[in-house]
Amino acid sequence: MKQLHGLENLAQSLRKPINASQLAQVLLDDLRQCECVIYGCIDDNPMIELARLQLLPETLNYEMFDQRIDLNVAGTILRDDCVPLTYRLSGQQFAISGRCSMIARVCGVDLYLHSSYTGVLGDLARQRFSLAVPALVKRINAI
């Protein structure tokens, strides 16, 4: 189940009501140094870091027509002793977390990992994210 973090902090720093282009600019600034961490689980520890993917800066973009922010992250697979189960994409204030899977069509997953995530130690993994800005505007204006 995908969770959004930090919207309350963003809402406090913005004058409401906010529109999509205003929020997009704030999010673009917030996500400029973002990273995505992929986690697995061993025994009772659900936070085993499997990969740390850094933003590819040239991919951070606001698509005005579709009102969405697109970005790609990439990094090396650090561990291969368990399967990826959760992720967290974190900016300075805003973050998204949820369940992930390497296998397509798994129930209860909100992020299917790109085929470049092989699970092999040392391989380069890439992941694409798209954020629908109007849905976030609606949530912030409701706070």
N, C-alpha and C. Protein backbone atom coordinates (compact mmCIF):
# COMPACT_ATOMS: atom_id res chain seq x y z
N MET A 1 0.82 -1.17 0.00
CA MET A 1 0.00 0.00 0.00
C MET A 1 0.88 1.25 0.00
N LYS A 2 0.73 2.03 -1.03
CA LYS A 2 1.55 3.22 -1.19
C LYS A 2 1.17 4.26 -0.15
N GLN A 3 2.20 4.86 0.45
CA GLN A 3 1.98 5.91 1.43
C GLN A 3 2.77 7.15 1.01
N LEU A 4 2.16 8.30 1.24
CA LEU A 4 2.82 9.58 0.97
C LEU A 4 3.23 10.18 2.30
N HIS A 5 4.45 10.69 2.35
CA HIS A 5 4.99 11.27 3.58
C HIS A 5 5.40 12.72 3.30
N GLY A 6 5.21 13.57 4.28
CA GLY A 6 5.69 14.95 4.19
C GLY A 6 4.72 15.94 3.58
N LEU A 7 3.53 15.51 3.20
CA LEU A 7 2.58 16.45 2.61
C LEU A 7 2.17 17.54 3.61
N GLU A 8 2.08 17.18 4.87
CA GLU A 8 1.71 18.16 5.90
C GLU A 8 2.75 19.27 5.98
N ASN A 9 4.02 18.89 5.92
CA ASN A 9 5.10 19.88 5.96
C ASN A 9 5.06 20.79 4.73
N LEU A 10 4.81 20.19 3.57
CA LEU A 10 4.70 21.00 2.36
C LEU A 10 3.50 21.94 2.44
N ALA A 11 2.40 21.44 2.96
CA ALA A 11 1.18 22.25 3.05
C ALA A 11 1.38 23.47 3.94
N GLN A 12 2.15 23.31 5.01
CA GLN A 12 2.39 24.43 5.93
C GLN A 12 3.23 25.52 5.28
N SER A 13 4.08 25.14 4.34
CA SER A 13 4.95 26.13 3.71
C SER A 13 4.31 26.79 2.49
N LEU A 14 3.09 26.37 2.10
CA LEU A 14 2.43 26.90 0.91
C LEU A 14 1.18 27.69 1.28
N ARG A 15 0.89 28.68 0.47
CA ARG A 15 -0.36 29.44 0.65
C ARG A 15 -1.44 28.72 -0.13
N LYS A 16 -2.50 28.35 0.57
CA LYS A 16 -3.59 27.62 -0.08
C LYS A 16 -4.68 28.59 -0.53
N PRO A 17 -5.44 28.25 -1.53
CA PRO A 17 -5.34 27.03 -2.31
C PRO A 17 -4.17 27.09 -3.29
N ILE A 18 -3.57 25.95 -3.50
CA ILE A 18 -2.42 25.83 -4.40
C ILE A 18 -2.87 25.18 -5.70
N ASN A 19 -2.23 25.53 -6.80
CA ASN A 19 -2.57 24.89 -8.08
C ASN A 19 -1.46 23.90 -8.47
N ALA A 20 -1.69 23.17 -9.54
CA ALA A 20 -0.78 22.11 -9.96
C ALA A 20 0.61 22.63 -10.32
N SER A 21 0.70 23.75 -11.02
CA SER A 21 2.02 24.24 -11.41
C SER A 21 2.82 24.73 -10.20
N GLN A 22 2.15 25.32 -9.21
CA GLN A 22 2.84 25.75 -7.99
C GLN A 22 3.39 24.54 -7.23
N LEU A 23 2.56 23.53 -7.05
CA LEU A 23 3.00 22.34 -6.33
C LEU A 23 4.10 21.62 -7.10
N ALA A 24 3.98 21.56 -8.41
CA ALA A 24 5.00 20.91 -9.22
C ALA A 24 6.36 21.57 -9.01
N GLN A 25 6.41 22.89 -8.96
CA GLN A 25 7.68 23.58 -8.75
C GLN A 25 8.27 23.26 -7.38
N VAL A 26 7.41 23.23 -6.35
CA VAL A 26 7.87 22.89 -5.00
C VAL A 26 8.41 21.46 -4.97
N LEU A 27 7.69 20.53 -5.61
CA LEU A 27 8.12 19.13 -5.62
C LEU A 27 9.40 18.94 -6.44
N LEU A 28 9.53 19.64 -7.55
CA LEU A 28 10.76 19.56 -8.35
C LEU A 28 11.96 19.98 -7.51
N ASP A 29 11.81 21.06 -6.77
CA ASP A 29 12.89 21.52 -5.90
C ASP A 29 13.18 20.49 -4.81
N ASP A 30 12.13 19.92 -4.23
CA ASP A 30 12.27 18.95 -3.14
C ASP A 30 12.94 17.65 -3.61
N LEU A 31 12.65 17.25 -4.84
CA LEU A 31 13.13 15.96 -5.34
C LEU A 31 14.48 16.04 -6.06
N ARG A 32 15.09 17.22 -6.14
CA ARG A 32 16.35 17.37 -6.88
C ARG A 32 17.48 16.48 -6.39
N GLN A 33 17.47 16.11 -5.14
CA GLN A 33 18.51 15.24 -4.58
C GLN A 33 17.90 13.92 -4.07
N CYS A 34 16.78 13.50 -4.66
CA CYS A 34 16.08 12.33 -4.13
C CYS A 34 16.83 11.04 -4.40
N GLU A 35 16.45 10.02 -3.64
CA GLU A 35 16.97 8.68 -3.84
C GLU A 35 15.88 7.68 -3.50
N CYS A 36 16.04 6.49 -4.04
CA CYS A 36 15.10 5.41 -3.77
C CYS A 36 15.88 4.25 -3.16
N VAL A 37 15.40 3.78 -2.03
CA VAL A 37 16.04 2.64 -1.37
C VAL A 37 15.08 1.46 -1.47
N ILE A 38 15.60 0.33 -1.91
CA ILE A 38 14.85 -0.91 -2.02
C ILE A 38 15.24 -1.78 -0.84
N TYR A 39 14.23 -2.30 -0.12
CA TYR A 39 14.47 -3.09 1.08
C TYR A 39 13.96 -4.52 0.91
N GLY A 40 14.63 -5.43 1.60
CA GLY A 40 14.18 -6.81 1.72
C GLY A 40 14.04 -7.15 3.19
N CYS A 41 13.74 -8.40 3.47
CA CYS A 41 13.50 -8.83 4.85
C CYS A 41 14.26 -10.12 5.12
N ILE A 42 14.98 -10.15 6.22
CA ILE A 42 15.62 -11.37 6.71
C ILE A 42 15.23 -11.52 8.17
N ASP A 43 14.65 -12.66 8.49
CA ASP A 43 14.18 -12.95 9.84
C ASP A 43 13.24 -11.85 10.32
N ASP A 44 13.60 -11.17 11.40
CA ASP A 44 12.74 -10.13 11.96
C ASP A 44 13.11 -8.72 11.52
N ASN A 45 14.05 -8.61 10.60
CA ASN A 45 14.50 -7.30 10.15
C ASN A 45 13.92 -7.00 8.76
N PRO A 46 12.88 -6.14 8.68
CA PRO A 46 12.27 -5.83 7.38
C PRO A 46 12.97 -4.70 6.62
N MET A 47 14.08 -4.20 7.15
CA MET A 47 14.74 -3.04 6.54
C MET A 47 16.15 -3.37 6.07
N ILE A 48 16.32 -4.50 5.41
CA ILE A 48 17.62 -4.85 4.83
C ILE A 48 17.76 -4.09 3.52
N GLU A 49 18.75 -3.20 3.44
CA GLU A 49 18.94 -2.37 2.25
C GLU A 49 19.55 -3.20 1.13
N LEU A 50 18.78 -3.36 0.04
CA LEU A 50 19.24 -4.15 -1.10
C LEU A 50 19.85 -3.29 -2.20
N ALA A 51 19.33 -2.08 -2.36
CA ALA A 51 19.84 -1.17 -3.39
C ALA A 51 19.52 0.26 -3.01
N ARG A 52 20.41 1.16 -3.38
CA ARG A 52 20.21 2.60 -3.16
C ARG A 52 20.34 3.24 -4.54
N LEU A 53 19.22 3.75 -5.04
CA LEU A 53 19.17 4.30 -6.39
C LEU A 53 19.12 5.82 -6.33
N GLN A 54 20.03 6.47 -7.02
CA GLN A 54 20.14 7.93 -7.02
C GLN A 54 19.41 8.51 -8.23
N LEU A 55 18.91 9.73 -8.06
CA LEU A 55 18.24 10.44 -9.14
C LEU A 55 19.19 10.64 -10.32
N LEU A 56 18.67 10.40 -11.52
CA LEU A 56 19.36 10.81 -12.74
C LEU A 56 18.83 12.21 -13.05
N PRO A 57 19.59 13.27 -12.71
CA PRO A 57 19.06 14.64 -12.72
C PRO A 57 18.39 15.06 -14.02
N GLU A 58 18.90 14.60 -15.14
CA GLU A 58 18.34 15.01 -16.43
C GLU A 58 16.94 14.45 -16.67
N THR A 59 16.51 13.50 -15.85
CA THR A 59 15.19 12.89 -16.04
C THR A 59 14.09 13.54 -15.20
N LEU A 60 14.45 14.39 -14.26
CA LEU A 60 13.46 15.06 -13.41
C LEU A 60 12.74 16.11 -14.24
N ASN A 61 11.43 15.91 -14.46
CA ASN A 61 10.71 16.75 -15.39
C ASN A 61 9.24 16.87 -14.99
N TYR A 62 8.68 18.07 -15.17
CA TYR A 62 7.25 18.27 -14.99
C TYR A 62 6.61 18.34 -16.35
N GLU A 63 5.68 17.43 -16.63
CA GLU A 63 4.94 17.40 -17.88
C GLU A 63 3.67 18.22 -17.67
N MET A 64 3.65 19.43 -18.23
CA MET A 64 2.54 20.36 -17.98
C MET A 64 1.21 19.86 -18.52
N PHE A 65 1.21 19.24 -19.68
CA PHE A 65 -0.04 18.78 -20.27
C PHE A 65 -0.69 17.69 -19.43
N ASP A 66 0.09 16.70 -19.05
CA ASP A 66 -0.42 15.59 -18.23
C ASP A 66 -0.41 15.90 -16.74
N GLN A 67 0.22 17.00 -16.37
CA GLN A 67 0.35 17.44 -14.97
C GLN A 67 0.93 16.32 -14.11
N ARG A 68 2.11 15.87 -14.52
CA ARG A 68 2.80 14.83 -13.75
C ARG A 68 4.29 15.11 -13.72
N ILE A 69 4.90 14.63 -12.66
CA ILE A 69 6.35 14.71 -12.52
C ILE A 69 6.91 13.33 -12.81
N ASP A 70 7.87 13.27 -13.72
CA ASP A 70 8.55 12.02 -14.07
C ASP A 70 9.99 12.11 -13.61
N LEU A 71 10.52 10.99 -13.16
CA LEU A 71 11.93 10.92 -12.80
C LEU A 71 12.41 9.48 -12.86
N ASN A 72 13.70 9.33 -13.09
CA ASN A 72 14.35 8.02 -13.09
C ASN A 72 15.46 8.02 -12.05
N VAL A 73 15.62 6.87 -11.42
CA VAL A 73 16.70 6.67 -10.47
C VAL A 73 17.49 5.44 -10.90
N ALA A 74 18.76 5.40 -10.52
CA ALA A 74 19.60 4.25 -10.88
C ALA A 74 20.67 4.06 -9.81
N GLY A 75 21.09 2.81 -9.64
CA GLY A 75 22.13 2.51 -8.69
C GLY A 75 22.47 1.03 -8.71
N THR A 76 23.45 0.69 -7.93
CA THR A 76 23.96 -0.68 -7.89
C THR A 76 23.21 -1.53 -6.87
N ILE A 77 22.97 -2.78 -7.22
CA ILE A 77 22.39 -3.73 -6.28
C ILE A 77 23.46 -4.10 -5.27
N LEU A 78 23.17 -3.86 -3.98
CA LEU A 78 24.16 -4.01 -2.92
C LEU A 78 24.13 -5.38 -2.25
N ARG A 79 22.97 -6.03 -2.27
CA ARG A 79 22.82 -7.34 -1.63
C ARG A 79 21.93 -8.22 -2.49
N ASP A 80 22.16 -9.53 -2.39
CA ASP A 80 21.35 -10.47 -3.16
C ASP A 80 20.86 -11.65 -2.32
N ASP A 81 20.85 -11.47 -1.01
CA ASP A 81 20.49 -12.58 -0.13
C ASP A 81 19.02 -12.60 0.29
N CYS A 82 18.21 -11.70 -0.26
CA CYS A 82 16.76 -11.73 -0.03
C CYS A 82 16.07 -10.97 -1.17
N VAL A 83 14.76 -11.16 -1.27
CA VAL A 83 14.01 -10.53 -2.35
C VAL A 83 13.53 -9.14 -1.92
N PRO A 84 13.39 -8.23 -2.90
CA PRO A 84 12.90 -6.90 -2.58
C PRO A 84 11.42 -6.94 -2.22
N LEU A 85 11.07 -6.25 -1.13
CA LEU A 85 9.68 -6.24 -0.67
C LEU A 85 9.11 -4.84 -0.52
N THR A 86 9.94 -3.86 -0.15
CA THR A 86 9.46 -2.50 0.04
C THR A 86 10.44 -1.50 -0.57
N TYR A 87 9.97 -0.27 -0.73
CA TYR A 87 10.81 0.80 -1.27
C TYR A 87 10.45 2.10 -0.57
N ARG A 88 11.35 3.07 -0.69
CA ARG A 88 11.08 4.43 -0.22
C ARG A 88 11.82 5.39 -1.14
N LEU A 89 11.06 6.24 -1.82
CA LEU A 89 11.59 7.33 -2.64
C LEU A 89 11.53 8.57 -1.77
N SER A 90 12.67 9.17 -1.47
CA SER A 90 12.73 10.29 -0.52
C SER A 90 13.36 11.52 -1.14
N GLY A 91 12.66 12.63 -1.00
CA GLY A 91 13.22 13.94 -1.31
C GLY A 91 13.65 14.57 0.00
N GLN A 92 13.74 15.90 0.02
CA GLN A 92 14.11 16.58 1.26
C GLN A 92 13.00 16.49 2.30
N GLN A 93 11.74 16.69 1.88
CA GLN A 93 10.59 16.61 2.79
C GLN A 93 9.60 15.55 2.34
N PHE A 94 9.36 15.47 1.04
CA PHE A 94 8.35 14.58 0.49
C PHE A 94 8.94 13.19 0.25
N ALA A 95 8.14 12.17 0.53
CA ALA A 95 8.58 10.79 0.29
C ALA A 95 7.38 9.91 -0.06
N ILE A 96 7.66 8.83 -0.76
CA ILE A 96 6.67 7.82 -1.10
C ILE A 96 7.25 6.48 -0.68
N SER A 97 6.44 5.66 -0.03
CA SER A 97 6.90 4.32 0.33
C SER A 97 5.78 3.33 0.04
N GLY A 98 6.17 2.07 -0.08
CA GLY A 98 5.17 1.04 -0.33
C GLY A 98 5.82 -0.30 -0.60
N ARG A 99 4.99 -1.22 -1.09
CA ARG A 99 5.46 -2.57 -1.39
C ARG A 99 5.91 -2.65 -2.84
N CYS A 100 6.93 -3.45 -3.09
CA CYS A 100 7.43 -3.62 -4.45
C CYS A 100 7.68 -5.10 -4.72
N SER A 101 7.86 -5.41 -6.00
CA SER A 101 8.11 -6.79 -6.40
C SER A 101 8.87 -6.83 -7.71
N MET A 102 9.69 -7.87 -7.86
CA MET A 102 10.36 -8.14 -9.13
C MET A 102 9.45 -8.91 -10.07
N ILE A 103 8.38 -9.50 -9.55
CA ILE A 103 7.48 -10.35 -10.31
C ILE A 103 6.23 -9.55 -10.67
N ALA A 104 5.90 -9.52 -11.95
CA ALA A 104 4.71 -8.80 -12.40
C ALA A 104 3.44 -9.48 -11.91
N ARG A 105 2.42 -8.66 -11.70
CA ARG A 105 1.08 -9.12 -11.33
C ARG A 105 1.00 -9.77 -9.95
N VAL A 106 1.80 -9.31 -9.02
CA VAL A 106 1.70 -9.77 -7.64
C VAL A 106 0.70 -8.86 -6.94
N CYS A 107 -0.26 -9.45 -6.24
CA CYS A 107 -1.30 -8.67 -5.55
C CYS A 107 -0.71 -7.86 -4.40
N GLY A 108 -1.28 -6.69 -4.17
CA GLY A 108 -0.88 -5.86 -3.04
C GLY A 108 0.41 -5.09 -3.23
N VAL A 109 0.87 -4.98 -4.46
CA VAL A 109 2.12 -4.29 -4.76
C VAL A 109 1.80 -3.03 -5.55
N ASP A 110 2.42 -1.91 -5.18
CA ASP A 110 2.18 -0.68 -5.93
C ASP A 110 3.36 -0.26 -6.79
N LEU A 111 4.46 -1.00 -6.75
CA LEU A 111 5.60 -0.71 -7.61
C LEU A 111 6.20 -2.01 -8.11
N TYR A 112 6.14 -2.21 -9.40
CA TYR A 112 6.82 -3.35 -10.01
C TYR A 112 8.19 -2.87 -10.45
N LEU A 113 9.21 -3.53 -9.96
CA LEU A 113 10.57 -3.10 -10.28
C LEU A 113 10.88 -3.32 -11.75
N HIS A 114 11.62 -2.39 -12.31
CA HIS A 114 12.05 -2.44 -13.71
C HIS A 114 12.83 -3.73 -13.95
N SER A 115 12.80 -4.20 -15.16
CA SER A 115 13.49 -5.45 -15.50
C SER A 115 15.00 -5.37 -15.28
N SER A 116 15.54 -4.17 -15.14
CA SER A 116 16.97 -4.03 -14.86
C SER A 116 17.31 -4.45 -13.44
N TYR A 117 16.29 -4.57 -12.57
CA TYR A 117 16.55 -5.06 -11.21
C TYR A 117 16.61 -6.59 -11.30
N THR A 118 17.82 -7.10 -11.42
CA THR A 118 18.02 -8.54 -11.63
C THR A 118 18.17 -9.31 -10.33
N GLY A 119 18.45 -8.61 -9.26
CA GLY A 119 18.72 -9.29 -8.00
C GLY A 119 20.14 -9.81 -7.90
N VAL A 120 20.97 -9.49 -8.88
CA VAL A 120 22.36 -9.95 -8.92
C VAL A 120 23.26 -8.86 -8.34
N LEU A 121 24.05 -9.24 -7.37
CA LEU A 121 24.96 -8.32 -6.70
C LEU A 121 25.84 -7.60 -7.71
N GLY A 122 25.87 -6.26 -7.62
CA GLY A 122 26.73 -5.45 -8.49
C GLY A 122 26.06 -4.98 -9.77
N ASP A 123 24.93 -5.55 -10.15
CA ASP A 123 24.24 -5.10 -11.36
C ASP A 123 23.65 -3.71 -11.16
N LEU A 124 23.51 -2.97 -12.25
CA LEU A 124 22.91 -1.64 -12.23
C LEU A 124 21.40 -1.77 -12.37
N ALA A 125 20.67 -1.18 -11.44
CA ALA A 125 19.21 -1.19 -11.48
C ALA A 125 18.70 0.21 -11.77
N ARG A 126 17.62 0.27 -12.52
CA ARG A 126 16.96 1.54 -12.85
C ARG A 126 15.49 1.43 -12.47
N GLN A 127 14.90 2.57 -12.15
CA GLN A 127 13.47 2.59 -11.84
C GLN A 127 12.90 3.93 -12.26
N ARG A 128 11.68 3.90 -12.79
CA ARG A 128 11.01 5.12 -13.22
C ARG A 128 9.83 5.39 -12.28
N PHE A 129 9.62 6.66 -11.96
CA PHE A 129 8.50 7.08 -11.14
C PHE A 129 7.74 8.19 -11.86
N SER A 130 6.42 8.18 -11.70
CA SER A 130 5.55 9.26 -12.19
C SER A 130 4.62 9.66 -11.05
N LEU A 131 4.55 10.95 -10.80
CA LEU A 131 3.69 11.47 -9.73
C LEU A 131 2.58 12.31 -10.36
N ALA A 132 1.34 11.93 -10.12
CA ALA A 132 0.20 12.69 -10.61
C ALA A 132 0.00 13.90 -9.70
N VAL A 133 0.29 15.08 -10.20
CA VAL A 133 0.26 16.30 -9.40
C VAL A 133 -1.16 16.69 -8.96
N PRO A 134 -2.20 16.58 -9.80
CA PRO A 134 -3.53 16.98 -9.35
C PRO A 134 -4.02 16.23 -8.12
N ALA A 135 -3.71 14.97 -8.01
CA ALA A 135 -4.12 14.20 -6.82
C ALA A 135 -3.42 14.73 -5.57
N LEU A 136 -2.16 15.13 -5.71
CA LEU A 136 -1.43 15.69 -4.58
C LEU A 136 -1.96 17.08 -4.21
N VAL A 137 -2.33 17.86 -5.21
CA VAL A 137 -2.91 19.18 -4.95
C VAL A 137 -4.19 19.03 -4.14
N LYS A 138 -5.00 18.09 -4.52
CA LYS A 138 -6.27 17.85 -3.82
C LYS A 138 -6.02 17.49 -2.35
N ARG A 139 -5.04 16.64 -2.12
CA ARG A 139 -4.73 16.23 -0.75
C ARG A 139 -4.18 17.40 0.08
N ILE A 140 -3.29 18.20 -0.53
CA ILE A 140 -2.70 19.32 0.20
C ILE A 140 -3.76 20.38 0.51
N ASN A 141 -4.62 20.68 -0.45
CA ASN A 141 -5.66 21.68 -0.22
C ASN A 141 -6.68 21.22 0.83
N ALA A 142 -6.76 19.93 1.06
CA ALA A 142 -7.69 19.39 2.06
C ALA A 142 -7.09 19.42 3.47
N ILE A 143 -5.78 19.64 3.56
CA ILE A 143 -5.11 19.63 4.88
C ILE A 143 -5.41 20.94 5.60
